[in-house]
Protein backbone atom coordinates (compact mmCIF):
# COMPACT_ATOMS: atom_id res chain seq x y z
CA UNK A 1 50.14 -26.95 56.77
CA UNK A 2 49.95 -28.97 53.55
CA UNK A 3 47.19 -31.27 54.71
CA UNK A 4 44.91 -28.36 55.50
CA UNK A 5 45.62 -26.53 52.27
CA UNK A 6 42.40 -26.15 50.30
CA UNK A 7 44.00 -25.64 46.92
CA UNK A 8 45.80 -27.84 44.50
CA UNK A 9 49.44 -27.48 43.77
CA UNK A 10 49.82 -25.02 40.87
CA UNK A 11 50.43 -26.73 37.56
CA UNK A 12 53.07 -24.47 36.11
CA UNK A 13 55.34 -25.84 33.46
CA UNK A 14 59.06 -25.99 33.95
CA UNK A 15 61.64 -24.36 31.67
CA UNK A 16 62.03 -27.49 29.56
CA UNK A 17 58.34 -28.27 29.23
CA UNK A 18 56.71 -28.17 25.82
CA UNK A 19 54.24 -25.37 25.24
CA UNK A 20 50.66 -26.57 25.50
CA UNK A 21 51.64 -29.87 27.06
CA UNK A 22 49.46 -30.54 30.12
CA UNK A 23 51.29 -30.80 33.45
CA UNK A 24 49.90 -33.30 35.95
CA UNK A 25 48.46 -31.49 38.98
CA UNK A 26 49.09 -32.76 42.44
CA UNK A 27 46.21 -34.16 44.44
CA UNK A 28 45.21 -31.38 46.86
CA UNK A 29 45.89 -31.77 50.58
CA UNK A 30 42.19 -31.32 51.33
CA UNK A 31 41.41 -34.43 49.29
CA UNK A 32 43.99 -36.38 51.26
CA UNK A 33 42.54 -35.26 54.59
CA UNK A 34 39.00 -36.05 53.48
CA UNK A 35 40.28 -39.40 52.30
CA UNK A 36 41.78 -40.01 55.74
CA UNK A 37 38.45 -39.15 57.38
CA UNK A 38 36.64 -41.52 55.04
CA UNK A 39 39.21 -44.25 55.64
CA UNK A 40 38.78 -44.06 59.42
CA UNK A 41 34.99 -43.77 59.17
CA UNK A 42 34.79 -46.70 56.75
CA UNK A 43 36.76 -48.92 59.13
CA UNK A 44 34.06 -48.18 61.67
CA UNK A 45 31.10 -48.53 59.31
CA UNK A 46 32.29 -51.67 57.56
CA UNK A 47 32.93 -53.41 60.88
CA UNK A 48 29.20 -53.15 61.48
CA UNK A 49 28.15 -53.73 57.88
CA UNK A 50 30.25 -56.91 57.65
CA UNK A 51 28.49 -58.60 60.56
CA UNK A 52 25.02 -57.01 60.34
CA UNK A 53 23.44 -59.30 57.66
CA UNK A 54 24.44 -62.43 59.52
CA UNK A 55 23.53 -60.91 62.89
CA UNK A 56 20.04 -60.07 61.69
CA UNK A 57 19.39 -63.29 59.77
CA UNK A 58 20.92 -65.82 62.16
CA UNK A 59 20.72 -64.15 65.57
CA UNK A 60 17.33 -62.44 65.14
CA UNK A 61 15.89 -64.94 62.62
CA UNK A 62 15.00 -62.28 60.02
CA UNK A 63 13.57 -63.54 56.70
CA UNK A 64 15.02 -62.37 53.34
CA UNK A 65 11.94 -60.16 52.87
CA UNK A 66 12.41 -58.62 56.33
CA UNK A 67 16.10 -58.11 55.68
CA UNK A 68 15.28 -56.52 52.31
CA UNK A 69 12.94 -54.10 54.09
CA UNK A 70 15.55 -53.23 56.69
CA UNK A 71 18.32 -52.95 54.08
CA UNK A 72 16.01 -50.71 52.05
CA UNK A 73 15.45 -48.49 55.06
CA UNK A 74 19.21 -48.51 55.69
CA UNK A 75 19.77 -47.00 52.22
CA UNK A 76 16.41 -45.26 51.71
CA UNK A 77 16.79 -42.90 54.67
CA UNK A 78 20.12 -41.82 53.27
CA UNK A 79 18.41 -40.99 49.98
CA UNK A 80 15.80 -38.83 51.64
CA UNK A 81 18.31 -36.57 53.39
CA UNK A 82 21.04 -36.30 50.76
CA UNK A 83 19.23 -33.54 48.96
CA UNK A 84 18.81 -31.66 52.24
CA UNK A 85 22.49 -32.02 53.04
CA UNK A 86 23.58 -30.78 49.63
CA UNK A 87 21.28 -27.79 49.51
CA UNK A 88 21.97 -26.65 53.08
CA UNK A 89 25.72 -26.93 52.56
CA UNK A 90 25.54 -24.63 49.49
CA UNK A 91 24.11 -21.72 51.46
CA UNK A 92 26.57 -18.92 52.01
CA UNK A 93 28.60 -19.81 48.92
CA UNK A 94 29.65 -23.25 50.11
CA UNK A 95 30.92 -22.24 53.53
CA UNK A 96 28.51 -24.75 55.06
CA UNK A 97 30.09 -27.79 53.41
CA UNK A 98 32.29 -28.60 56.37
CA UNK A 99 29.58 -27.84 58.95
CA UNK A 100 27.05 -30.22 57.37
CA UNK A 101 29.74 -32.86 56.87
CA UNK A 102 30.69 -32.68 60.58
CA UNK A 103 27.04 -33.07 61.60
CA UNK A 104 26.69 -36.10 59.30
CA UNK A 105 29.83 -37.84 60.47
CA UNK A 106 28.95 -37.04 64.10
CA UNK A 107 25.48 -38.59 63.86
CA UNK A 108 26.89 -41.82 62.41
CA UNK A 109 29.54 -41.97 65.15
CA UNK A 110 26.89 -41.64 67.86
CA UNK A 111 24.88 -44.56 66.46
CA UNK A 112 27.60 -47.20 66.85
CA UNK A 113 27.43 -47.35 70.68
CA UNK A 114 23.61 -47.36 70.50
CA UNK A 115 23.73 -50.75 68.81
CA UNK A 116 24.92 -52.12 72.13
CA UNK A 117 21.65 -51.11 73.76
CA UNK A 118 19.07 -52.27 71.21
CA UNK A 119 18.19 -55.90 70.51
CA UNK A 120 14.80 -55.76 68.78
CA UNK A 121 14.14 -55.22 65.10
CA UNK A 122 12.24 -51.88 65.40
CA UNK A 123 14.91 -50.31 67.61
CA UNK A 124 17.75 -51.58 65.44
CA UNK A 125 15.94 -50.18 62.43
CA UNK A 126 15.62 -46.80 64.14
CA UNK A 127 19.34 -46.70 65.00
CA UNK A 128 20.29 -47.66 61.46
CA UNK A 129 17.96 -44.96 60.12
CA UNK A 130 19.76 -42.29 62.17
CA UNK A 131 23.13 -43.68 61.05
CA UNK A 132 22.05 -43.44 57.41
CA UNK A 133 20.75 -39.94 58.06
CA UNK A 134 24.28 -38.98 58.99
CA UNK A 135 25.67 -40.62 55.85
CA UNK A 136 23.09 -38.88 53.67
CA UNK A 137 23.88 -35.47 55.16
CA UNK A 138 27.64 -35.78 54.73
CA UNK A 139 28.01 -37.35 51.28
CA UNK A 140 27.17 -34.41 49.00
CA UNK A 141 29.09 -31.77 51.02
CA UNK A 142 32.14 -34.01 51.19
CA UNK A 143 32.09 -34.65 47.44
CA UNK A 144 31.54 -30.96 46.83
CA UNK A 145 34.70 -30.15 48.82
CA UNK A 146 36.66 -32.72 46.83
CA UNK A 147 35.47 -31.30 43.50
CA UNK A 148 36.20 -27.70 44.53
CA UNK A 149 39.67 -28.43 45.89
CA UNK A 150 41.38 -29.56 42.68
CA UNK A 151 41.80 -28.82 38.99
CA UNK A 152 38.89 -29.92 36.79
CA UNK A 153 41.31 -31.72 34.45
CA UNK A 154 42.28 -34.18 37.18
CA UNK A 155 38.96 -34.30 38.99
CA UNK A 156 38.49 -37.98 38.20
CA UNK A 157 41.90 -38.77 39.66
CA UNK A 158 41.13 -36.73 42.81
CA UNK A 159 37.92 -38.70 43.36
CA UNK A 160 39.82 -41.89 42.57
CA UNK A 161 42.39 -41.13 45.28
CA UNK A 162 39.65 -40.33 47.78
CA UNK A 163 37.70 -43.50 46.91
CA UNK A 164 40.87 -45.56 47.15
CA UNK A 165 41.49 -44.28 50.68
CA UNK A 166 37.84 -44.76 51.53
CA UNK A 167 38.07 -48.33 50.26
CA UNK A 168 41.20 -49.00 52.28
CA UNK A 169 38.96 -48.44 55.30
CA UNK A 170 36.37 -50.75 53.77
CA UNK A 171 39.10 -53.33 53.38
CA UNK A 172 40.29 -52.99 56.97
CA UNK A 173 36.84 -52.86 58.56
CA UNK A 174 35.72 -56.44 57.85
CA UNK A 175 39.21 -57.68 58.79
CA UNK A 176 39.02 -55.91 62.14
CA UNK A 177 35.51 -57.29 62.67
CA UNK A 178 36.74 -60.77 61.85
CA UNK A 179 39.61 -60.49 64.36
CA UNK A 180 37.34 -59.04 67.05
CA UNK A 181 34.75 -61.82 66.59
CA UNK A 182 37.42 -64.45 66.97
CA UNK A 183 39.30 -62.83 69.88
CA UNK A 184 36.62 -61.15 72.02
CA UNK A 185 34.18 -62.95 74.27
CA UNK A 186 31.51 -60.32 73.65
CA UNK A 187 31.11 -61.22 69.97
CA UNK A 188 28.90 -58.70 68.18
CA UNK A 189 28.85 -56.28 71.14
CA UNK A 190 32.65 -56.09 71.03
CA UNK A 191 32.46 -55.22 67.31
CA UNK A 192 30.00 -52.41 67.99
CA UNK A 193 32.18 -51.00 70.83
CA UNK A 194 35.37 -50.87 68.76
CA UNK A 195 33.42 -49.43 65.84
CA UNK A 196 32.15 -46.52 67.95
CA UNK A 197 35.69 -45.61 69.14
CA UNK A 198 37.05 -45.59 65.58
CA UNK A 199 34.17 -43.42 64.34
CA UNK A 200 34.89 -40.76 66.98
CA UNK A 201 38.49 -40.55 65.74
CA UNK A 202 37.30 -39.82 62.20
CA UNK A 203 35.16 -36.89 63.40
CA UNK A 204 38.15 -35.47 65.29
CA UNK A 205 40.33 -35.54 62.15
CA UNK A 206 37.62 -33.76 60.16
CA UNK A 207 37.25 -31.03 62.76
CA UNK A 208 40.98 -30.41 63.17
CA UNK A 209 42.40 -30.62 59.65
CA UNK A 210 39.78 -29.76 57.03
CA UNK A 211 39.54 -26.00 56.26
CA UNK A 212 36.26 -24.25 56.98
CA UNK A 213 35.82 -22.98 53.40
CA UNK A 214 37.22 -24.46 50.20
CA UNK A 215 37.62 -22.32 47.10
CA UNK A 216 38.38 -23.56 43.59
CA UNK A 217 41.97 -23.08 42.32
CA UNK A 218 42.61 -19.74 40.65
CA UNK A 219 42.43 -19.96 36.84
CA UNK A 220 45.63 -19.71 34.82
CA UNK A 221 45.53 -16.32 33.07
CA UNK A 222 48.09 -17.51 30.49
CA UNK A 223 45.40 -19.69 28.91
CA UNK A 224 42.79 -16.94 28.61
CA UNK A 225 42.77 -17.20 24.85
CA UNK A 226 41.33 -20.69 24.99
CA UNK A 227 38.54 -19.78 27.43
CA UNK A 228 34.85 -19.86 26.70
CA UNK A 229 32.97 -16.56 26.53
CA UNK A 230 31.26 -15.38 29.70
CA UNK A 231 27.61 -16.36 30.04
CA UNK A 232 24.90 -13.86 29.46
CA UNK A 233 23.48 -12.08 32.50
CA UNK A 234 20.74 -14.01 34.23
CA UNK A 235 21.77 -17.37 32.78
CA UNK A 236 23.58 -20.35 34.26
CA UNK A 237 27.09 -21.11 33.00
CA UNK A 238 27.49 -23.71 30.30
CA UNK A 239 29.64 -26.59 31.54
CA UNK A 240 31.86 -28.39 29.12
CA UNK A 241 32.40 -32.11 29.52
CA UNK A 242 35.39 -34.12 28.52
CA UNK A 243 38.79 -35.12 29.74
CA UNK A 244 39.75 -31.60 30.84
CA UNK A 245 36.69 -29.49 31.54
CA UNK A 246 37.34 -25.89 32.60
CA UNK A 247 36.12 -24.80 35.99
CA UNK A 248 32.50 -23.60 35.66
CA UNK A 249 31.93 -19.97 36.59
CA UNK A 250 30.49 -19.34 40.02
CA UNK A 251 26.76 -19.19 40.55
CA UNK A 252 25.02 -17.01 43.15
CA UNK A 253 25.99 -17.90 46.73
CA UNK A 254 22.73 -19.58 47.70
CA UNK A 255 21.08 -22.95 47.37
CA UNK A 256 19.36 -23.03 43.94
CA UNK A 257 15.70 -23.89 43.41
CA UNK A 258 15.38 -27.45 42.14
CA UNK A 259 13.56 -26.53 38.96
CA UNK A 260 16.36 -24.50 37.31
CA UNK A 261 18.91 -26.99 38.64
CA UNK A 262 17.09 -29.83 36.92
CA UNK A 263 17.03 -27.82 33.69
CA UNK A 264 20.75 -28.41 33.35
CA UNK A 265 20.76 -30.99 30.50
CA UNK A 266 23.89 -32.88 31.60
CA UNK A 267 22.71 -33.09 35.18
CA UNK A 268 19.27 -34.27 34.17
CA UNK A 269 20.66 -37.05 31.99
CA UNK A 270 23.06 -38.22 34.65
CA UNK A 271 20.30 -38.27 37.25
CA UNK A 272 18.04 -40.32 34.98
CA UNK A 273 20.82 -42.82 34.30
CA UNK A 274 21.71 -43.11 37.99
CA UNK A 275 18.06 -43.89 38.79
CA UNK A 276 17.65 -46.43 35.98
CA UNK A 277 20.81 -48.30 36.88
CA UNK A 278 20.16 -48.05 40.62
CA UNK A 279 16.84 -49.81 40.24
CA UNK A 280 18.70 -52.98 39.27
CA UNK A 281 21.78 -52.70 41.53
CA UNK A 282 21.46 -55.46 44.13
CA UNK A 283 22.77 -54.40 47.54
CA UNK A 284 26.14 -55.68 48.74
CA UNK A 285 24.50 -57.47 51.67
CA UNK A 286 22.32 -59.60 49.41
CA UNK A 287 25.25 -60.39 47.14
CA UNK A 288 27.38 -61.54 50.11
CA UNK A 289 24.51 -63.58 51.56
CA UNK A 290 24.15 -65.33 48.21
CA UNK A 291 27.86 -66.10 48.13
CA UNK A 292 27.78 -67.30 51.75
CA UNK A 293 24.99 -69.77 50.95
CA UNK A 294 26.74 -71.04 47.84
CA UNK A 295 30.04 -71.56 49.68
CA UNK A 296 28.53 -72.79 52.96
CA UNK A 297 30.75 -70.37 54.93
CA UNK A 298 30.54 -70.29 58.72
CA UNK A 299 29.52 -67.12 60.56
CA UNK A 300 33.09 -66.39 61.65
CA UNK A 301 34.33 -66.28 58.03
CA UNK A 302 31.41 -64.26 56.60
CA UNK A 303 32.98 -60.81 57.34
CA UNK A 304 35.86 -61.65 55.00
CA UNK A 305 33.70 -61.67 51.86
CA UNK A 306 33.67 -57.85 51.52
CA UNK A 307 37.47 -57.93 51.54
CA UNK A 308 37.57 -59.21 47.94
CA UNK A 309 35.34 -56.38 46.75
CA UNK A 310 37.30 -53.77 48.75
CA UNK A 311 40.67 -55.04 47.55
CA UNK A 312 39.64 -54.80 43.88
CA UNK A 313 38.13 -51.36 44.50
CA UNK A 314 41.33 -50.19 46.23
CA UNK A 315 43.59 -51.34 43.40
CA UNK A 316 41.41 -50.00 40.58
CA UNK A 317 39.99 -46.72 41.92
CA UNK A 318 42.95 -44.44 41.11
CA UNK A 319 43.82 -46.00 37.67
CA UNK A 320 40.18 -45.92 36.57
CA UNK A 321 39.81 -42.37 37.82
CA UNK A 322 42.69 -41.35 35.57
CA UNK A 323 41.17 -43.33 32.69
CA UNK A 324 37.90 -41.46 33.24
CA UNK A 325 39.74 -38.10 32.96
CA UNK A 326 41.21 -39.11 29.61
CA UNK A 327 38.62 -41.38 28.06
CA UNK A 328 35.32 -39.97 29.33
CA UNK A 329 33.62 -40.20 32.72
CA UNK A 330 30.15 -41.08 31.49
CA UNK A 331 31.47 -43.85 29.25
CA UNK A 332 33.39 -45.46 32.11
CA UNK A 333 30.37 -45.14 34.36
CA UNK A 334 28.37 -47.29 31.95
CA UNK A 335 31.16 -49.84 31.53
CA UNK A 336 31.32 -50.22 35.29
CA UNK A 337 27.73 -51.45 35.29
CA UNK A 338 28.66 -54.03 32.67
CA UNK A 339 31.19 -55.36 35.18
CA UNK A 340 28.34 -55.68 37.72
CA UNK A 341 26.26 -57.49 35.11
CA UNK A 342 29.19 -59.88 34.66
CA UNK A 343 29.20 -60.55 38.42
CA UNK A 344 25.50 -61.39 38.29
CA UNK A 345 26.15 -63.75 35.40
CA UNK A 346 28.91 -65.61 37.26
CA UNK A 347 26.64 -65.99 40.30
CA UNK A 348 24.00 -67.56 38.06
CA UNK A 349 26.44 -70.21 36.81
CA UNK A 350 25.54 -73.61 38.41
CA UNK A 351 29.09 -74.13 39.59
CA UNK A 352 29.55 -70.65 41.15
CA UNK A 353 30.55 -72.34 44.43
CA UNK A 354 34.05 -72.71 42.97
CA UNK A 355 36.56 -70.49 44.82
CA UNK A 356 37.86 -69.22 41.48
CA UNK A 357 34.42 -68.09 40.31
CA UNK A 358 33.70 -66.61 43.71
CA UNK A 359 36.92 -64.58 43.48
CA UNK A 360 35.88 -63.43 40.03
CA UNK A 361 32.54 -62.23 41.40
CA UNK A 362 34.27 -60.16 44.07
CA UNK A 363 36.78 -58.69 41.58
CA UNK A 364 33.99 -57.71 39.19
CA UNK A 365 32.05 -56.26 42.09
CA UNK A 366 35.03 -54.15 43.20
CA UNK A 367 35.66 -53.07 39.60
CA UNK A 368 32.06 -51.94 39.32
CA UNK A 369 32.52 -49.62 42.30
CA UNK A 370 35.89 -48.34 41.11
CA UNK A 371 34.41 -47.43 37.68
CA UNK A 372 31.19 -45.82 38.99
CA UNK A 373 31.38 -44.37 42.49
CA UNK A 374 33.87 -41.51 42.23
CA UNK A 375 33.46 -41.34 38.45
CA UNK A 376 29.78 -40.44 38.73
CA UNK A 377 30.60 -37.73 41.28
CA UNK A 378 33.28 -36.30 38.99
CA UNK A 379 30.90 -36.30 36.01
CA UNK A 380 28.21 -34.61 38.09
CA UNK A 381 30.66 -31.95 39.29
CA UNK A 382 31.35 -31.06 35.64
CA UNK A 383 27.66 -30.36 35.10
CA UNK A 384 26.99 -27.73 37.77
CA UNK A 385 28.54 -24.38 38.82
CA UNK A 386 30.91 -24.25 41.78
CA UNK A 387 28.51 -22.59 44.23
CA UNK A 388 25.77 -25.11 43.48
CA UNK A 389 28.03 -28.13 43.55
CA UNK A 390 26.59 -29.69 46.71
CA UNK A 391 23.02 -29.43 45.45
CA UNK A 392 23.85 -30.88 42.05
CA UNK A 393 25.69 -33.83 43.60
CA UNK A 394 22.82 -34.37 46.01
CA UNK A 395 20.23 -34.53 43.20
CA UNK A 396 22.08 -37.36 41.46
CA UNK A 397 23.00 -39.19 44.66
CA UNK A 398 19.44 -38.93 46.00
CA UNK A 399 17.98 -40.42 42.85
CA UNK A 400 20.52 -43.24 42.87
CA UNK A 401 20.03 -44.05 46.59
CA UNK A 402 16.24 -43.97 46.28
CA UNK A 403 16.38 -46.33 43.31
CA UNK A 404 18.60 -48.73 45.24
CA UNK A 405 16.11 -48.57 48.12
CA UNK A 406 13.43 -49.78 45.75
CA UNK A 407 15.74 -52.50 44.42
CA UNK A 408 16.38 -53.83 47.94
CA UNK A 409 12.66 -54.12 48.62
CA UNK A 410 11.96 -55.78 45.28
CA UNK A 411 14.91 -58.16 45.47
CA UNK A 412 14.01 -59.23 49.02
CA UNK A 413 10.41 -59.93 47.96
CA UNK A 414 11.54 -61.85 44.85
CA UNK A 415 13.99 -63.92 46.94
CA UNK A 416 11.24 -64.78 49.43
CA UNK A 417 8.81 -65.74 46.67
CA UNK A 418 11.04 -67.51 44.14
CA UNK A 419 14.48 -67.99 45.67
CA UNK A 420 17.78 -66.18 45.25
CA UNK A 421 18.60 -67.52 41.77
CA UNK A 422 15.40 -66.29 40.12
CA UNK A 423 15.65 -62.96 41.95
CA UNK A 424 19.20 -62.49 40.66
CA UNK A 425 18.21 -63.48 37.11
CA UNK A 426 15.49 -60.80 37.13
CA UNK A 427 17.98 -58.23 38.42
CA UNK A 428 20.47 -59.17 35.68
CA UNK A 429 17.85 -58.80 32.94
CA UNK A 430 16.77 -55.44 34.33
CA UNK A 431 20.37 -54.22 34.55
CA UNK A 432 21.04 -55.12 30.91
CA UNK A 433 17.92 -53.16 29.84
CA UNK A 434 18.80 -50.19 32.06
CA UNK A 435 22.35 -50.08 30.68
CA UNK A 436 21.06 -49.99 27.13
CA UNK A 437 18.63 -47.16 27.92
CA UNK A 438 21.33 -45.22 29.75
CA UNK A 439 23.69 -45.53 26.80
CA UNK A 440 21.09 -43.90 24.61
CA UNK A 441 20.52 -41.09 27.11
CA UNK A 442 24.19 -40.29 27.42
CA UNK A 443 24.78 -40.49 23.68
CA UNK A 444 22.70 -37.33 23.12
CA UNK A 445 25.74 -35.09 22.63
CA UNK A 446 28.99 -37.04 22.21
CA UNK A 447 32.13 -35.24 23.42
CA UNK A 448 30.27 -32.31 24.89
CA UNK A 449 26.98 -31.65 26.56
CA UNK A 450 24.33 -29.30 25.40
CA UNK A 451 24.45 -25.74 26.60
CA UNK A 452 22.57 -24.90 29.77
CA UNK A 453 19.23 -23.20 29.31
CA UNK A 454 18.62 -19.90 31.11
CA UNK A 455 17.37 -20.08 34.68
CA UNK A 456 13.92 -18.92 35.73
CA UNK A 457 14.56 -15.20 35.39
CA UNK A 458 12.56 -12.43 33.82
CA UNK A 459 14.09 -11.53 30.43
CA UNK A 460 15.11 -7.97 29.71
CA UNK A 461 14.38 -6.27 26.36
CA UNK A 462 17.97 -6.97 25.23
CA UNK A 463 17.67 -10.60 26.25
CA UNK A 464 15.36 -12.94 24.29
CA UNK A 465 12.94 -15.04 26.31
CA UNK A 466 13.86 -18.73 26.59
């Protein structure tokens, strides 16, 4: 069955093809199935996310500082378990990727009905923490499966296709929540009920159609002359970065210690940049609350604000993924944060209540996600060997999520103390500084990254000590 095939369509040239001319590889079926799972799950998650800020602030009377704390917990718990999910999934040579992903998706699905039973802040916080635990567990294994399923030369496009499908769910989720709020007498409880049913469907698709083990596509032996030499015994492979990076050789089939993993220069730089930029990335919920206050939107219309972001993300994810494959993934990752900086700037304009400027904010916000989300995962996948893919992705994602946790706390406190405009101005200044520092970090080796230092192994007489 094509959808359950774990390998990409072979990229063999036809009789009339020019020698050496790259042939576009098809997006693997596994990526399409994982995209379907993410689409269904995002419909469920975004139904809740779209109404949660307003539910907590208006129904429960939560202050901006209290919401910042809860939003930080919502994202911070995910950061704490991402590393665990990535490392556990790498055990046994990557055969645990699907198992850990199923556990993560299953936990999140179970939490949706629980929101019907809790109505106090501590209990809601606990349910959201479990939900984010599920998200944290599943993210790195899922991205590892995507990166292993396709050709490295089109890895950015594969992630772009997945993120586009994921965003289609994010686009539909708020719309479904809006329709449920207007049609159902139960209001928020009806949204939580429908969300739980949709989440269960996503878990079923994952169980039935994603293969248990995903192996990278077999290398093309006709291009052996252009291959890099094999790494020395006892050392990690040296990944090459650029538009068409070759598949890194396999590492031992076990989760790596963090110390040698962090000695990968490209991975270390990406992790540092993700942390720096995450510290000044204001959460979506705060951005939508700011827009809602500027526009004076009613509660019933609030769930529609994420639709603008999701629509821009959906339209731009695949094209920007292809641009990243050709132009450079790290470069596009930085430019995406400049789009976010532009969104902050528009929000700081005194007349940002204009529908045109509001639309511009949402388009820039969606462009930011399209240029950074899958692109960062693709760049990280280039930096680590196949068998350690989940752990490498988890390191970068954990740093980014932890930084955003800190940003939510700081932004909520600044909003409470000085108001939303001053809080956003501080975030914009911090983002500009973080982008400049990240550009310097990623400029260390233009076009290619430094070779990987040897792992923590005992040198032999024929092998010089590091």
